[in-house]
Amino acid sequence: MSRFVGVLGAGRCGSSGVAGALSVAGIFMGFDLIGAHQEFNSKGHFEDRNLYTIHRLLVRDYLMHPAMKWETDLLGDMPHKPPFSELVANYDRQLAKRDGMPIWGIKCSFLARVWDLVSHRYPEDVRFIMVHRGWEAMTGSRMGHSGASKELAEQRQSVLMADSFKLAAEYPTHHVVYEELIAYPQRVVTEMLDFAIADLDLDSDLDFQAGIDWIDASMCHHV
């Protein structure tokens, strides 16, 4: 039986930092991870590229919130509305690759938005780590990252944070404050790894110290 650990957040909240610490410590976060961006995520996104693409298409074509419609322009290079059955079949293929893994995770800011469509495809043993960041810092980072206005950035954050809070209320969830992760990595990373593997005999399989050491102040991005 597998355990799934999902990383929730609105994007630009520090979820890449949390996912990176989990990955470096030894929790599988994906096969083809979106790489680093020198300006926005210099240590990597730790986001499975295939699942990210499917999530974005599901949101764009089936679950788009009016406050997020401006993002459709960012999906111009993606296929034009693939059939829902094709997206689901691809999703199943991606998750099947994880069969037999004792613990694995996904980081995606759209995971909470698509969860009701895909949750029955996940293991029964589900946990989430939800990442929080100061509202103004998150807004400024989103504006710098995407060029969105403050109004649009805050609208997007409101939708995705509401999605995440709703999901967090339904499953065991550990909350991480990004500013605390940067300031106190020893405590915060240890607590979130303890939560991720609670009741599993995996302590010897994970490198807690590697996850702790991976966090540094350079990750506290302003954009």
Protein backbone atom coordinates (compact mmCIF):
# COMPACT_ATOMS: atom_id res chain seq x y z
CA MET A 1 0.00 0.00 0.00
CA SER A 2 1.26 3.47 -0.92
CA ARG A 3 1.02 6.81 0.83
CA PHE A 4 0.51 9.95 -1.19
CA VAL A 5 1.79 13.30 0.12
CA GLY A 6 0.51 16.33 -1.80
CA VAL A 7 2.00 19.81 -1.48
CA LEU A 8 -0.69 22.51 -1.55
CA GLY A 9 -0.46 26.27 -2.01
CA ALA A 10 -1.29 29.12 -4.34
CA GLY A 11 2.00 29.30 -6.22
CA ARG A 12 4.79 31.75 -5.28
CA CYS A 13 4.10 30.67 -1.69
CA GLY A 14 7.18 28.50 -1.17
CA SER A 15 5.72 25.19 -2.28
CA SER A 16 8.79 24.51 -4.45
CA GLY A 17 10.97 24.83 -1.36
CA VAL A 18 8.85 22.34 0.55
CA ALA A 19 8.69 19.93 -2.39
CA GLY A 20 12.44 20.24 -2.88
CA ALA A 21 13.19 19.38 0.75
CA LEU A 22 10.89 16.34 0.52
CA SER A 23 12.56 15.22 -2.69
CA VAL A 24 16.12 15.69 -1.49
CA ALA A 25 15.26 13.82 1.72
CA GLY A 26 14.11 10.85 -0.36
CA ILE A 27 10.39 11.18 -1.11
CA PHE A 28 9.70 10.65 -4.82
CA MET A 29 8.15 13.79 -6.34
CA GLY A 30 8.02 12.93 -10.04
CA PHE A 31 9.75 11.44 -13.07
CA ASP A 32 10.29 14.49 -15.27
CA LEU A 33 10.55 17.42 -12.89
CA ILE A 34 10.29 20.99 -14.14
CA GLY A 35 13.76 22.39 -13.73
CA ALA A 36 15.19 25.53 -12.21
CA HIS A 37 14.57 29.06 -13.43
CA GLN A 38 17.46 31.35 -12.58
CA GLU A 39 15.25 34.32 -11.71
CA PHE A 40 12.11 32.73 -10.25
CA ASN A 41 13.03 29.28 -8.87
CA SER A 42 16.79 28.96 -8.88
CA LYS A 43 16.80 25.60 -7.06
CA GLY A 44 14.05 23.98 -9.10
CA HIS A 45 10.27 23.62 -9.12
CA PHE A 46 10.09 19.90 -8.14
CA GLU A 47 6.87 19.61 -10.12
CA ASP A 48 6.11 16.59 -12.32
CA ARG A 49 5.90 18.01 -15.85
CA ASN A 50 3.32 15.54 -17.18
CA LEU A 51 0.91 15.86 -14.26
CA TYR A 52 1.36 19.63 -14.21
CA THR A 53 0.34 19.78 -17.88
CA ILE A 54 -2.73 17.62 -17.33
CA HIS A 55 -3.77 19.68 -14.29
CA ARG A 56 -3.44 22.91 -16.26
CA LEU A 57 -5.54 21.52 -19.13
CA LEU A 58 -8.21 20.26 -16.74
CA VAL A 59 -8.38 23.69 -15.13
CA ARG A 60 -8.37 25.54 -18.43
CA ASP A 61 -10.99 23.40 -20.18
CA TYR A 62 -13.23 22.18 -17.36
CA LEU A 63 -12.61 23.96 -14.06
CA MET A 64 -11.65 27.52 -14.92
CA HIS A 65 -12.69 30.09 -12.33
CA PRO A 66 -13.62 33.56 -13.70
CA ALA A 67 -10.86 35.11 -11.57
CA MET A 68 -8.27 32.95 -13.36
CA LYS A 69 -9.31 33.41 -16.99
CA TRP A 70 -6.33 35.65 -17.69
CA GLU A 71 -4.15 32.56 -17.33
CA THR A 72 -5.53 31.02 -20.50
CA ASP A 73 -3.03 33.15 -22.42
CA LEU A 74 -0.25 31.27 -20.65
CA LEU A 75 -1.53 27.99 -22.11
CA GLY A 76 -1.35 28.98 -25.75
CA ASP A 77 1.31 26.37 -26.51
CA MET A 78 -0.78 23.53 -25.07
CA PRO A 79 -3.14 21.34 -27.13
CA HIS A 80 -6.56 22.73 -27.91
CA LYS A 81 -9.00 21.03 -25.52
CA PRO A 82 -8.02 17.37 -25.64
CA PRO A 83 -10.96 15.01 -25.00
CA PHE A 84 -11.59 14.49 -21.30
CA SER A 85 -11.22 10.71 -21.77
CA GLU A 86 -7.75 11.27 -23.25
CA LEU A 87 -6.65 13.41 -20.30
CA VAL A 88 -7.93 10.84 -17.81
CA ALA A 89 -6.26 7.94 -19.63
CA ASN A 90 -2.96 9.82 -19.60
CA TYR A 91 -3.44 10.63 -15.92
CA ASP A 92 -3.94 6.94 -15.14
CA ARG A 93 -0.77 6.05 -17.04
CA GLN A 94 1.23 8.60 -15.07
CA LEU A 95 -0.04 7.39 -11.69
CA ALA A 96 0.41 3.73 -12.63
CA LYS A 97 4.16 4.38 -12.85
CA ARG A 98 4.10 4.96 -9.09
CA ASP A 99 2.53 1.60 -8.22
CA GLY A 100 4.51 -0.13 -5.50
CA MET A 101 6.22 2.97 -4.16
CA PRO A 102 5.77 3.09 -0.37
CA ILE A 103 5.49 6.89 -0.41
CA TRP A 104 5.39 9.47 -3.17
CA GLY A 105 4.24 13.02 -3.67
CA ILE A 106 3.15 15.74 -6.07
CA LYS A 107 3.51 19.50 -5.85
CA CYS A 108 1.10 21.49 -7.99
CA SER A 109 -0.81 24.67 -7.20
CA PHE A 110 -3.76 23.31 -9.22
CA LEU A 111 -3.96 19.96 -7.42
CA ALA A 112 -6.67 21.11 -5.02
CA ARG A 113 -8.74 22.52 -7.91
CA VAL A 114 -8.73 19.21 -9.83
CA TRP A 115 -8.86 16.91 -6.79
CA ASP A 116 -12.56 16.05 -6.98
CA LEU A 117 -12.03 14.82 -10.55
CA VAL A 118 -8.98 12.68 -9.83
CA SER A 119 -9.01 11.76 -6.13
CA HIS A 120 -10.34 8.23 -6.68
CA ARG A 121 -7.20 7.50 -8.70
CA TYR A 122 -4.93 8.09 -5.71
CA PRO A 123 -4.03 5.75 -2.83
CA GLU A 124 -6.38 5.61 0.13
CA ASP A 125 -3.58 6.84 2.39
CA VAL A 126 -3.47 10.56 1.57
CA ARG A 127 -1.79 13.43 3.42
CA PHE A 128 -1.17 17.04 2.50
CA ILE A 129 1.39 19.68 3.39
CA MET A 130 -0.05 23.15 2.88
CA VAL A 131 2.36 26.05 2.44
CA HIS A 132 1.55 29.58 3.62
CA ARG A 133 3.35 32.83 2.88
CA GLY A 134 2.66 36.45 3.77
CA TRP A 135 -0.04 37.81 1.47
CA GLU A 136 1.86 40.88 0.26
CA ALA A 137 5.04 38.90 -0.38
CA MET A 138 3.10 36.28 -2.33
CA THR A 139 1.26 38.96 -4.32
CA GLY A 140 4.48 40.77 -5.19
CA SER A 141 6.14 37.54 -6.22
CA ARG A 142 3.21 36.63 -8.48
CA MET A 143 3.24 40.08 -10.10
CA GLY A 144 6.97 39.85 -10.77
CA HIS A 145 6.74 36.27 -12.01
CA SER A 146 3.84 36.60 -14.44
CA GLY A 147 3.43 40.31 -15.05
CA ALA A 148 -0.07 40.21 -13.60
CA SER A 149 -1.61 43.27 -12.01
CA LYS A 150 -2.02 43.30 -8.25
CA GLU A 151 -5.76 42.79 -8.64
CA LEU A 152 -5.37 39.73 -10.87
CA ALA A 153 -2.60 38.28 -8.72
CA GLU A 154 -4.75 38.57 -5.59
CA GLN A 155 -7.78 37.10 -7.37
CA ARG A 156 -5.74 34.07 -8.42
CA GLN A 157 -4.30 33.63 -4.94
CA SER A 158 -7.75 33.84 -3.35
CA VAL A 159 -9.14 31.10 -5.59
CA LEU A 160 -6.22 28.70 -5.17
CA MET A 161 -5.86 29.27 -1.42
CA ALA A 162 -9.60 28.65 -0.95
CA ASP A 163 -9.25 25.41 -2.93
CA SER A 164 -6.30 24.38 -0.77
CA PHE A 165 -8.01 25.20 2.54
CA LYS A 166 -11.07 23.19 1.50
CA LEU A 167 -8.97 20.14 0.70
CA ALA A 168 -6.82 20.54 3.80
CA ALA A 169 -9.97 20.37 5.94
CA GLU A 170 -10.83 16.96 4.51
CA TYR A 171 -7.51 15.12 4.99
CA PRO A 172 -4.65 14.99 7.50
CA THR A 173 -2.70 18.16 6.76
CA HIS A 174 0.47 19.73 8.09
CA HIS A 175 0.82 23.50 7.68
CA VAL A 176 4.16 25.11 6.85
CA VAL A 177 4.83 28.85 6.95
CA TYR A 178 7.40 29.63 4.29
CA GLU A 179 9.12 32.39 6.26
CA GLU A 180 9.60 29.91 9.13
CA LEU A 181 10.94 27.26 6.74
CA ILE A 182 13.68 29.66 5.67
CA ALA A 183 14.45 30.88 9.19
CA TYR A 184 14.23 27.54 11.04
CA PRO A 185 14.84 24.73 8.54
CA GLN A 186 15.96 22.21 11.17
CA ARG A 187 12.64 22.35 13.01
CA VAL A 188 10.29 22.89 10.06
CA VAL A 189 11.76 20.24 7.75
CA THR A 190 11.96 17.70 10.57
CA GLU A 191 8.32 18.30 11.51
CA MET A 192 7.04 18.00 7.96
CA LEU A 193 9.05 14.84 7.25
CA ASP A 194 7.85 13.31 10.54
CA PHE A 195 4.30 14.09 9.43
CA ALA A 196 4.84 12.69 5.93
CA ILE A 197 6.07 9.29 7.16
CA ALA A 198 4.08 9.00 10.41
CA ASP A 199 3.12 5.36 11.12
CA LEU A 200 5.33 4.15 8.26
CA ASP A 201 8.61 2.33 8.86
CA LEU A 202 10.63 4.63 6.63
CA ASP A 203 12.89 6.58 8.99
CA SER A 204 16.00 4.76 7.81
CA ASP A 205 15.08 5.32 4.15
CA LEU A 206 14.99 9.11 4.36
CA ASP A 207 17.86 11.55 4.80
CA PHE A 208 16.39 14.21 7.07
CA GLN A 209 19.64 16.16 7.21
CA ALA A 210 19.87 16.39 3.43
CA GLY A 211 16.39 17.92 3.34
CA ILE A 212 17.32 20.38 6.10
CA ASP A 213 20.62 21.38 4.48
CA TRP A 214 18.94 21.95 1.12
CA ILE A 215 16.98 24.93 2.49
CA ASP A 216 18.82 28.24 2.43
CA ALA A 217 18.06 31.98 2.45
CA SER A 218 18.52 32.32 -1.32
CA MET A 219 15.15 30.60 -1.72
CA CYS A 220 13.28 33.51 -0.14
CA HIS A 221 12.50 34.94 -3.56
CA HIS A 222 11.04 38.38 -4.06
CA VAL A 223 9.88 37.54 -7.60
